[in-house]
Amino acid sequence: MPNRETALDLLLLPTWLVPVEPAGVVLKDHGLGIRDGRIVFIGPRAQALKYQAAEIRELPDMLLSPGLINAHGHAAMTLFRGLADDLPLMTWLENHIWPAEAKWVDEAFVRDGTDLAIAEQIKGGITCFCDMYFFPKVASERVHNSGIRAQIALPILDFPIPGAHNADEALRQGVELFGDLKHHPRIKITFGPHAPYTVGDESLEKIRVITEELDASIHMHVHETAFEVQQSLEQRGERPLARLARLGLLGPRFQAVHMTQISDDDLILLVETNTSVIHCPESNLKLASGFCPVERLWQAGVNVAVGTDGAASNNDLDLLGETRTAALLAKAVAGSATALDAHRALRMATLNGARAMGLESEVGSLEIGKAADMVAFDLSGLAQQPIYDPVSQLIYATGRDCVKHLWVAGKQLLKDRRLTRLDEQQLGETARTWGRRISGHAQ
């Protein structure tokens, strides 16, 4: 019988436990023990019940998995959800989103929009997300207060943006914020040059030097559209990814978002540099940007994670739905029904996201020693019956409304589908107030 020193803070007893690592494993009738925010025990139910625990939680008909990781998004853009739909990327950006941002985005906008995004993501099973948006210090404060985990990518462009007059000012702010939050247990600061067509070589050189000095990651939209690649060839005589390789930016700390256009040479660069790709299928579909060849990347050994992108181009922050779309689309693009099976899709939405962010030793799988970032999905509904493979049911037959409980670092942020730290009614009222202002109907 374990002694008092080995007492657990929390013992969870789900019907299915899916650790993600090792791959493809489903543990039936096992328990998971947490102490001081970390996983300290995984084993058969009978063995688990020998432990003393401050709290024992039965999770019947539930699948316990690592928390989902949303590897790309623009959190505060929840307040622009549905503002400019059914438009191609550059028309959407230049004629609608950038003007709206210039008019409306300030610290209050980022505070309220980020809170709304965090709440939506927690309710959808997301324990960690990447945010690439203006006023990153404000976003960091909202993450800190909420209890969720995040990678904050500081936006850097060669023209004025809300909160920074130029790239140099954005970089200075980034270095300062990186220093301030270097030891934060749940926030990681990353540098986010917007895209190859908005950031010149001089700024990219500075970013390379700074990120090498700080051992920081780079998060960037790359090869989002065929037009972007074509324009780069015409203006520079090289593809954007080749340019980034020439400038020394690619590598295991580089996160290439979208990558809908991948030539044989591009694939070689991704493999040789160990660069991660962040796949945003629904945003790419909605903006008709193209298809990321996920199965081809996976088979070549490239780490592929999944992101929702912002709510203005998706229009939800539903990573479970995104992962289902990714799995289905991968099959169509590869012309193979075996492409991106359910277990690999779940891995893409968890451990691969952690790996892209450099957090794989901390989160992304249920392993002893890792932070207890977990989500319990309720598979008791009629739409999930009968259950042959619970992971297949999760990916292909389950919506985010089946998210029942969620923990980050052992702290419960969602209990019986209710947020424990955020006021859902207040968030809704605040969002509606912004909507009236932006649409011009405010009194």
Protein backbone atom coordinates (compact mmCIF):
# COMPACT_ATOMS: atom_id res chain seq x y z
CA MET A 1 0.00 0.00 0.00
CA PRO A 2 1.55 3.37 -1.02
CA ASN A 3 2.47 5.58 1.93
CA ARG A 4 1.32 9.14 2.62
CA GLU A 5 4.26 10.64 0.72
CA THR A 6 2.83 9.14 -2.46
CA ALA A 7 -0.72 10.42 -1.87
CA LEU A 8 -2.30 11.92 -4.96
CA ASP A 9 -4.04 15.27 -5.30
CA LEU A 10 -6.39 13.78 -7.89
CA LEU A 11 -7.06 10.31 -9.25
CA LEU A 12 -9.01 10.06 -12.50
CA LEU A 13 -10.69 6.81 -13.53
CA PRO A 14 -11.88 7.08 -17.15
CA THR A 15 -13.29 4.26 -19.26
CA TRP A 16 -10.58 4.93 -21.89
CA LEU A 17 -7.21 6.59 -21.46
CA VAL A 18 -5.40 7.61 -24.67
CA PRO A 19 -1.83 8.67 -23.84
CA VAL A 20 -0.90 9.50 -27.51
CA GLU A 21 2.64 8.39 -26.68
CA PRO A 22 3.19 5.51 -27.28
CA ALA A 23 1.32 5.90 -30.55
CA GLY A 24 -1.96 4.14 -31.23
CA VAL A 25 -2.52 2.94 -27.65
CA VAL A 26 -5.92 2.90 -25.91
CA LEU A 27 -5.85 1.88 -22.24
CA LYS A 28 -9.16 0.51 -20.93
CA ASP A 29 -10.06 0.77 -17.24
CA HIS A 30 -6.88 2.53 -16.19
CA GLY A 31 -6.30 5.34 -13.74
CA LEU A 32 -4.20 8.50 -13.91
CA GLY A 33 -2.80 10.13 -10.77
CA ILE A 34 -1.79 13.78 -10.39
CA ARG A 35 0.38 15.43 -7.76
CA ASP A 36 1.52 19.07 -7.76
CA GLY A 37 0.14 19.60 -11.24
CA ARG A 38 2.03 16.69 -12.79
CA ILE A 39 1.20 13.15 -13.86
CA VAL A 40 2.79 10.75 -11.38
CA PHE A 41 0.89 7.53 -12.05
CA ILE A 42 -0.72 5.71 -14.98
CA GLY A 43 -1.77 2.12 -14.45
CA PRO A 44 -4.61 -0.41 -14.19
CA ARG A 45 -7.65 0.62 -12.16
CA ALA A 46 -7.05 -1.94 -9.40
CA GLN A 47 -3.52 -0.65 -8.88
CA ALA A 48 -4.71 2.98 -9.03
CA LEU A 49 -7.24 2.44 -6.25
CA LYS A 50 -4.45 1.44 -3.86
CA TYR A 51 -3.31 5.06 -3.81
CA GLN A 52 -4.59 7.57 -1.30
CA ALA A 53 -5.98 10.60 -3.11
CA ALA A 54 -7.45 13.90 -1.97
CA GLU A 55 -10.03 13.47 -4.74
CA ILE A 56 -11.08 10.43 -6.78
CA ARG A 57 -13.09 11.16 -9.91
CA GLU A 58 -14.90 8.43 -11.82
CA LEU A 59 -15.21 9.28 -15.52
CA PRO A 60 -17.62 6.62 -16.91
CA ASP A 61 -17.98 6.47 -20.72
CA MET A 62 -15.30 9.13 -21.02
CA LEU A 63 -12.10 9.24 -23.03
CA LEU A 64 -9.24 11.00 -21.27
CA SER A 65 -6.63 12.41 -23.64
CA PRO A 66 -3.95 15.08 -23.60
CA GLY A 67 -5.44 18.54 -23.96
CA LEU A 68 -5.78 19.70 -27.56
CA ILE A 69 -3.15 22.17 -28.79
CA ASN A 70 -4.23 24.89 -31.20
CA ALA A 71 -0.94 25.65 -32.94
CA HIS A 72 -2.04 28.79 -34.82
CA GLY A 73 -4.57 31.53 -34.26
CA HIS A 74 -5.27 35.20 -33.72
CA ALA A 75 -7.24 35.13 -30.47
CA ALA A 76 -8.68 38.66 -30.28
CA MET A 77 -10.05 38.34 -33.82
CA THR A 78 -13.02 36.54 -32.24
CA LEU A 79 -14.50 40.05 -32.15
CA PHE A 80 -14.30 40.15 -35.98
CA ARG A 81 -16.00 36.76 -36.33
CA GLY A 82 -18.18 36.85 -39.46
CA LEU A 83 -17.28 40.47 -40.27
CA ALA A 84 -16.07 39.83 -43.83
CA ASP A 85 -16.96 36.38 -45.15
CA ASP A 86 -16.69 34.65 -48.53
CA LEU A 87 -13.73 36.67 -49.87
CA PRO A 88 -10.27 35.71 -51.17
CA LEU A 89 -7.32 36.23 -48.81
CA MET A 90 -5.82 39.48 -50.10
CA THR A 91 -9.24 41.15 -50.67
CA TRP A 92 -10.27 40.02 -47.19
CA LEU A 93 -7.06 41.37 -45.64
CA GLU A 94 -6.51 44.60 -47.55
CA ASN A 95 -10.09 45.83 -47.96
CA HIS A 96 -11.71 44.57 -44.77
CA ILE A 97 -9.54 43.17 -41.97
CA TRP A 98 -6.62 45.62 -42.03
CA PRO A 99 -8.93 48.68 -42.14
CA ALA A 100 -11.07 47.22 -39.32
CA GLU A 101 -7.94 46.57 -37.26
CA ALA A 102 -6.67 50.11 -37.84
CA LYS A 103 -9.99 51.50 -36.61
CA TRP A 104 -10.84 49.20 -33.70
CA VAL A 105 -7.84 47.35 -32.31
CA ASP A 106 -6.57 48.73 -29.01
CA GLU A 107 -5.70 47.23 -25.65
CA ALA A 108 -9.37 46.91 -24.64
CA PHE A 109 -10.22 45.11 -27.90
CA VAL A 110 -7.36 42.63 -27.39
CA ARG A 111 -8.30 42.09 -23.72
CA ASP A 112 -11.95 41.33 -24.45
CA GLY A 113 -11.34 39.38 -27.67
CA THR A 114 -8.65 37.24 -26.06
CA ASP A 115 -10.88 36.44 -23.07
CA LEU A 116 -13.64 35.34 -25.47
CA ALA A 117 -11.18 33.17 -27.42
CA ILE A 118 -9.77 31.57 -24.29
CA ALA A 119 -13.25 30.66 -23.04
CA GLU A 120 -14.28 29.20 -26.40
CA GLN A 121 -11.08 27.17 -26.60
CA ILE A 122 -11.33 25.78 -23.05
CA LYS A 123 -14.92 24.71 -23.73
CA GLY A 124 -13.65 22.99 -26.89
CA GLY A 125 -10.98 20.90 -25.17
CA ILE A 126 -7.98 23.13 -25.91
CA THR A 127 -5.43 23.41 -23.09
CA CYS A 128 -2.73 25.28 -25.04
CA PHE A 129 -2.94 27.69 -27.97
CA CYS A 130 -0.69 29.87 -30.09
CA ASP A 131 -1.74 33.50 -30.36
CA MET A 132 -0.27 35.83 -32.99
CA TYR A 133 -1.86 39.23 -32.53
CA PHE A 134 -1.34 42.84 -31.52
CA PHE A 135 -0.68 44.03 -27.94
CA PRO A 136 0.89 40.68 -26.97
CA LYS A 137 1.54 41.90 -23.43
CA VAL A 138 -2.22 42.29 -22.91
CA ALA A 139 -2.85 38.81 -24.36
CA SER A 140 -0.19 37.39 -22.01
CA GLU A 141 -1.98 38.92 -19.02
CA ARG A 142 -5.28 37.31 -20.09
CA VAL A 143 -3.57 33.92 -20.46
CA HIS A 144 -1.95 34.31 -17.05
CA ASN A 145 -5.28 35.13 -15.37
CA SER A 146 -7.26 32.37 -17.11
CA GLY A 147 -5.04 29.41 -16.22
CA ILE A 148 -4.68 28.19 -19.83
CA ARG A 149 -1.30 27.56 -21.48
CA ALA A 150 -0.14 29.56 -24.53
CA GLN A 151 2.58 30.46 -26.95
CA ILE A 152 2.40 34.19 -27.66
CA ALA A 153 3.91 35.08 -31.07
CA LEU A 154 4.82 38.77 -31.28
CA PRO A 155 3.62 40.17 -34.63
CA ILE A 156 6.35 41.90 -36.62
CA LEU A 157 5.63 43.75 -39.89
CA ASP A 158 7.55 46.39 -41.83
CA PHE A 159 4.73 48.92 -41.49
CA PRO A 160 2.90 50.39 -38.49
CA ILE A 161 0.61 48.05 -36.56
CA PRO A 162 -1.53 48.62 -33.47
CA GLY A 163 0.95 48.93 -30.60
CA ALA A 164 4.15 49.28 -32.67
CA HIS A 165 5.22 51.91 -35.22
CA ASN A 166 7.66 49.65 -37.05
CA ALA A 167 9.46 46.31 -36.97
CA ASP A 168 12.26 47.58 -34.74
CA GLU A 169 9.80 48.76 -32.08
CA ALA A 170 7.93 45.44 -32.24
CA LEU A 171 11.24 43.58 -31.83
CA ARG A 172 12.24 45.72 -28.84
CA GLN A 173 8.89 45.03 -27.19
CA GLY A 174 9.32 41.34 -27.97
CA VAL A 175 12.74 41.06 -26.37
CA GLU A 176 11.43 42.85 -23.26
CA LEU A 177 8.35 40.60 -22.99
CA PHE A 178 10.49 37.50 -23.59
CA GLY A 179 12.69 38.54 -20.66
CA ASP A 180 9.73 39.32 -18.40
CA LEU A 181 8.02 35.95 -19.01
CA LYS A 182 11.06 33.72 -19.48
CA HIS A 183 10.24 31.73 -16.34
CA HIS A 184 6.44 31.75 -16.61
CA PRO A 185 5.18 28.17 -16.17
CA ARG A 186 2.43 28.44 -18.83
CA ILE A 187 3.46 31.19 -21.27
CA LYS A 188 6.12 30.95 -23.95
CA ILE A 189 7.06 34.03 -25.99
CA THR A 190 7.84 33.52 -29.68
CA PHE A 191 8.68 35.94 -32.50
CA GLY A 192 6.07 36.25 -35.26
CA PRO A 193 7.17 37.90 -38.49
CA HIS A 194 3.79 38.11 -40.25
CA ALA A 195 4.64 36.74 -43.72
CA PRO A 196 7.40 36.86 -46.34
CA TYR A 197 5.51 39.59 -48.25
CA THR A 198 5.18 41.91 -45.22
CA VAL A 199 8.67 41.54 -43.72
CA GLY A 200 11.87 42.40 -45.61
CA ASP A 201 15.29 40.76 -45.45
CA GLU A 202 16.72 43.36 -43.04
CA SER A 203 14.03 42.70 -40.43
CA LEU A 204 14.27 38.93 -40.95
CA GLU A 205 18.05 39.08 -40.38
CA LYS A 206 17.47 40.88 -37.07
CA ILE A 207 14.87 38.32 -36.05
CA ARG A 208 17.27 35.48 -36.85
CA VAL A 209 20.03 36.99 -34.70
CA ILE A 210 17.71 37.74 -31.76
CA THR A 211 15.99 34.35 -31.78
CA GLU A 212 19.35 32.55 -31.94
CA GLU A 213 20.61 34.58 -28.95
CA LEU A 214 17.45 33.90 -26.94
CA ASP A 215 16.88 30.33 -28.21
CA ALA A 216 13.38 31.52 -29.15
CA SER A 217 11.03 30.16 -31.81
CA ILE A 218 9.78 31.86 -34.99
CA HIS A 219 6.11 31.57 -36.03
CA MET A 220 5.26 32.79 -39.56
CA HIS A 221 2.63 32.52 -42.30
CA VAL A 222 4.49 30.89 -45.23
CA HIS A 223 3.23 29.72 -48.65
CA GLU A 224 -0.37 30.49 -47.71
CA THR A 225 -1.42 30.96 -51.34
CA ALA A 226 -0.15 30.23 -54.85
CA PHE A 227 -0.22 34.01 -55.47
CA GLU A 228 2.28 34.59 -52.66
CA VAL A 229 4.72 32.08 -54.17
CA GLN A 230 4.23 33.42 -57.71
CA GLN A 231 4.73 37.03 -56.60
CA SER A 232 7.96 36.09 -54.80
CA LEU A 233 9.27 34.33 -57.90
CA GLU A 234 8.50 37.38 -60.03
CA GLN A 235 9.92 39.95 -57.60
CA ARG A 236 12.81 38.05 -56.02
CA GLY A 237 13.49 35.12 -58.31
CA GLU A 238 13.01 32.59 -55.51
CA ARG A 239 10.25 30.90 -53.56
CA PRO A 240 9.51 32.31 -50.08
CA LEU A 241 10.65 29.14 -48.28
CA ALA A 242 13.94 29.14 -50.21
CA ARG A 243 14.43 32.79 -49.21
CA LEU A 244 13.84 31.97 -45.55
CA ALA A 245 16.33 29.09 -45.83
CA ARG A 246 18.91 31.40 -47.44
CA LEU A 247 18.46 33.87 -44.58
CA GLY A 248 19.03 31.08 -42.04
CA LEU A 249 15.58 31.18 -40.43
CA LEU A 250 14.41 27.59 -40.99
CA GLY A 251 15.10 24.96 -38.34
CA PRO A 252 13.52 23.04 -35.46
CA ARG A 253 12.45 26.34 -33.83
CA PHE A 254 10.67 27.56 -37.00
CA GLN A 255 6.89 27.10 -37.32
CA ALA A 256 5.71 27.48 -40.94
CA VAL A 257 1.97 28.19 -40.92
CA HIS A 258 -0.31 27.12 -43.82
CA MET A 259 2.19 25.76 -46.39
CA THR A 260 -0.47 25.05 -49.02
CA GLN A 261 2.11 25.16 -51.83
CA ILE A 262 4.91 22.60 -51.49
CA SER A 263 7.29 21.68 -54.32
CA ASP A 264 9.83 18.86 -54.19
CA ASP A 265 12.52 21.41 -53.29
CA ASP A 266 10.32 22.87 -50.54
CA LEU A 267 9.85 19.40 -49.05
CA ILE A 268 13.61 18.80 -49.04
CA LEU A 269 14.14 22.10 -47.19
CA LEU A 270 11.50 21.25 -44.58
CA VAL A 271 13.00 17.81 -43.98
CA GLU A 272 16.65 18.92 -43.92
CA THR A 273 16.00 21.79 -41.51
CA ASN A 274 13.52 19.90 -39.28
CA THR A 275 11.02 22.75 -39.67
CA SER A 276 7.48 22.22 -38.33
CA VAL A 277 4.38 22.89 -40.44
CA ILE A 278 1.14 24.21 -38.91
CA HIS A 279 -1.87 23.07 -40.94
CA CYS A 280 -5.03 25.25 -40.88
CA PRO A 281 -7.41 23.33 -43.17
CA GLU A 282 -10.72 25.15 -42.60
CA SER A 283 -9.30 28.65 -42.99
CA ASN A 284 -7.45 27.50 -46.13
CA LEU A 285 -10.68 26.01 -47.49
CA LYS A 286 -12.78 29.08 -46.66
CA LEU A 287 -10.30 31.49 -48.26
CA ALA A 288 -9.67 29.04 -51.15
CA SER A 289 -5.96 29.27 -50.37
CA GLY A 290 -5.05 25.70 -51.29
CA PHE A 291 -4.35 22.34 -49.69
CA CYS A 292 -1.44 21.41 -47.46
CA PRO A 293 -0.26 17.89 -48.50
CA VAL A 294 -0.31 16.53 -44.95
CA GLU A 295 0.23 12.85 -45.73
CA ARG A 296 3.17 13.61 -48.01
CA LEU A 297 4.76 15.72 -45.27
CA TRP A 298 4.07 13.09 -42.62
CA GLN A 299 5.57 10.27 -44.68
CA ALA A 300 8.67 12.42 -45.30
CA GLY A 301 9.12 12.87 -41.56
CA VAL A 302 7.97 16.50 -41.22
CA ASN A 303 6.28 17.41 -37.93
CA VAL A 304 2.76 18.62 -38.81
CA ALA A 305 0.56 20.28 -36.19
CA VAL A 306 -2.93 21.75 -36.59
CA GLY A 307 -4.38 25.20 -35.95
CA THR A 308 -7.72 26.93 -36.34
CA ASP A 309 -6.38 30.30 -37.56
CA GLY A 310 -8.43 33.29 -36.42
CA ALA A 311 -12.20 33.36 -35.96
CA ALA A 312 -12.48 35.98 -38.73
CA SER A 313 -11.49 33.37 -41.33
CA ASN A 314 -12.72 30.06 -39.93
CA ASN A 315 -15.13 31.07 -38.11
CA ASP A 316 -14.69 29.03 -34.95
CA LEU A 317 -11.85 27.99 -32.68
CA ASP A 318 -12.94 24.35 -32.70
CA LEU A 319 -9.78 22.26 -32.86
CA LEU A 320 -11.61 18.93 -32.64
CA GLY A 321 -13.66 19.89 -35.71
CA GLU A 322 -10.49 21.20 -37.38
CA THR A 323 -8.77 17.88 -36.79
CA ARG A 324 -11.68 15.98 -38.33
CA THR A 325 -11.51 18.25 -41.38
CA ALA A 326 -7.74 17.70 -41.53
CA ALA A 327 -8.17 13.93 -41.49
CA LEU A 328 -10.82 13.94 -44.20
CA LEU A 329 -8.99 16.46 -46.38
CA ALA A 330 -5.70 14.57 -46.08
CA LYS A 331 -7.36 11.51 -47.62
CA ALA A 332 -8.79 13.49 -50.54
CA VAL A 333 -5.50 15.31 -51.21
CA ALA A 334 -3.44 12.10 -51.01
CA GLY A 335 -6.00 10.08 -52.95
CA SER A 336 -5.79 7.45 -50.22
CA ALA A 337 -8.36 6.40 -47.62
CA THR A 338 -5.54 5.33 -45.28
CA ALA A 339 -3.99 8.81 -45.12
CA LEU A 340 -3.97 10.48 -41.68
CA ASP A 341 -5.90 7.87 -39.70
CA ALA A 342 -7.75 8.87 -36.51
CA HIS A 343 -4.89 8.08 -34.12
CA ARG A 344 -2.40 10.13 -36.14
CA ALA A 345 -4.93 12.96 -36.42
CA LEU A 346 -5.21 13.08 -32.61
CA ARG A 347 -1.42 13.07 -32.37
CA MET A 348 -1.31 16.01 -34.78
CA ALA A 349 -3.71 17.92 -32.50
CA THR A 350 -1.71 17.18 -29.35
CA LEU A 351 1.92 16.01 -29.29
CA ASN A 352 2.84 17.40 -32.72
CA GLY A 353 1.60 20.83 -31.64
CA ALA A 354 3.67 20.59 -28.48
CA ARG A 355 6.71 19.58 -30.54
CA ALA A 356 6.24 22.50 -32.94
CA MET A 357 6.23 24.90 -29.98
CA GLY A 358 9.19 23.21 -28.25
CA LEU A 359 6.93 22.06 -25.41
CA GLU A 360 6.99 18.30 -26.05
CA SER A 361 8.86 17.54 -22.80
CA GLU A 362 6.11 19.34 -20.87
CA VAL A 363 2.80 18.61 -22.60
CA GLY A 364 1.17 16.89 -25.60
CA SER A 365 0.90 13.36 -24.23
CA LEU A 366 -0.13 11.67 -21.00
CA GLU A 367 3.21 10.50 -19.62
CA ILE A 368 4.60 10.34 -16.10
CA GLY A 369 6.45 13.55 -15.28
CA LYS A 370 4.57 15.74 -17.73
CA ALA A 371 2.19 18.55 -16.79
CA ALA A 372 -1.38 17.36 -16.21
CA ASP A 373 -2.95 19.10 -19.24
CA MET A 374 -5.93 16.85 -20.02
CA VAL A 375 -9.40 16.75 -21.44
CA ALA A 376 -12.25 14.31 -20.79
CA PHE A 377 -14.61 13.69 -23.72
CA ASP A 378 -18.03 12.19 -22.95
CA LEU A 379 -18.70 9.40 -25.47
CA SER A 380 -21.97 8.25 -23.88
CA GLY A 381 -24.23 9.94 -26.44
CA LEU A 382 -26.30 8.17 -29.08
CA ALA A 383 -24.18 9.67 -31.86
CA GLN A 384 -21.11 7.83 -30.55
CA GLN A 385 -22.71 4.35 -30.31
CA PRO A 386 -21.59 1.64 -30.68
CA ILE A 387 -17.91 2.16 -29.85
CA TYR A 388 -15.39 -0.10 -31.57
CA ASP A 389 -12.44 2.31 -31.51
CA PRO A 390 -12.96 5.28 -29.17
CA VAL A 391 -10.33 7.37 -30.97
CA SER A 392 -12.12 6.89 -34.29
CA GLN A 393 -15.38 7.91 -32.63
CA LEU A 394 -13.69 10.98 -31.15
CA ILE A 395 -12.30 12.18 -34.49
CA TYR A 396 -15.10 11.18 -36.86
CA ALA A 397 -18.31 11.21 -34.77
CA THR A 398 -17.81 13.61 -31.87
CA GLY A 399 -18.22 17.37 -31.58
CA ARG A 400 -16.72 19.78 -29.07
CA ASP A 401 -20.00 19.78 -27.15
CA CYS A 402 -18.83 16.40 -25.78
CA VAL A 403 -15.97 18.07 -23.87
CA LYS A 404 -16.91 17.49 -20.22
CA HIS A 405 -13.87 18.39 -18.10
CA LEU A 406 -10.52 20.06 -18.72
CA TRP A 407 -7.40 20.55 -16.63
CA VAL A 408 -4.23 22.60 -17.18
CA ALA A 409 -1.29 21.76 -14.91
CA GLY A 410 -3.72 19.80 -12.76
CA LYS A 411 -6.09 22.74 -12.22
CA GLN A 412 -9.64 22.23 -13.46
CA LEU A 413 -10.69 25.01 -15.85
CA LEU A 414 -13.84 23.25 -17.09
CA LYS A 415 -16.09 21.16 -14.85
CA ASP A 416 -19.23 19.51 -16.25
CA ARG A 417 -18.97 21.88 -19.25
CA ARG A 418 -18.91 24.95 -17.01
CA LEU A 419 -15.98 27.36 -16.94
CA THR A 420 -14.49 27.54 -13.45
CA ARG A 421 -12.57 30.83 -13.80
CA LEU A 422 -14.35 32.83 -16.50
CA ASP A 423 -17.84 34.35 -16.46
CA GLU A 424 -19.56 33.08 -19.59
CA GLN A 425 -22.52 35.48 -19.34
CA GLN A 426 -20.26 38.51 -18.95
CA LEU A 427 -18.09 37.42 -21.88
CA GLY A 428 -21.19 37.14 -24.09
CA GLU A 429 -22.45 40.58 -23.11
CA THR A 430 -19.04 42.16 -23.74
CA ALA A 431 -18.78 40.51 -27.18
CA ARG A 432 -22.26 41.69 -28.16
CA THR A 433 -21.36 45.24 -27.10
CA TRP A 434 -18.29 45.17 -29.36
CA GLY A 435 -20.42 43.77 -32.18
CA ARG A 436 -22.86 46.69 -31.93
CA ARG A 437 -20.00 49.20 -31.93
CA ILE A 438 -18.21 47.68 -34.89
CA SER A 439 -21.37 47.31 -36.96
CA GLY A 440 -22.28 50.94 -36.24
CA HIS A 441 -25.42 50.24 -34.24
CA ALA A 442 -24.15 51.41 -30.88
CA GLN A 443 -26.33 53.95 -29.07
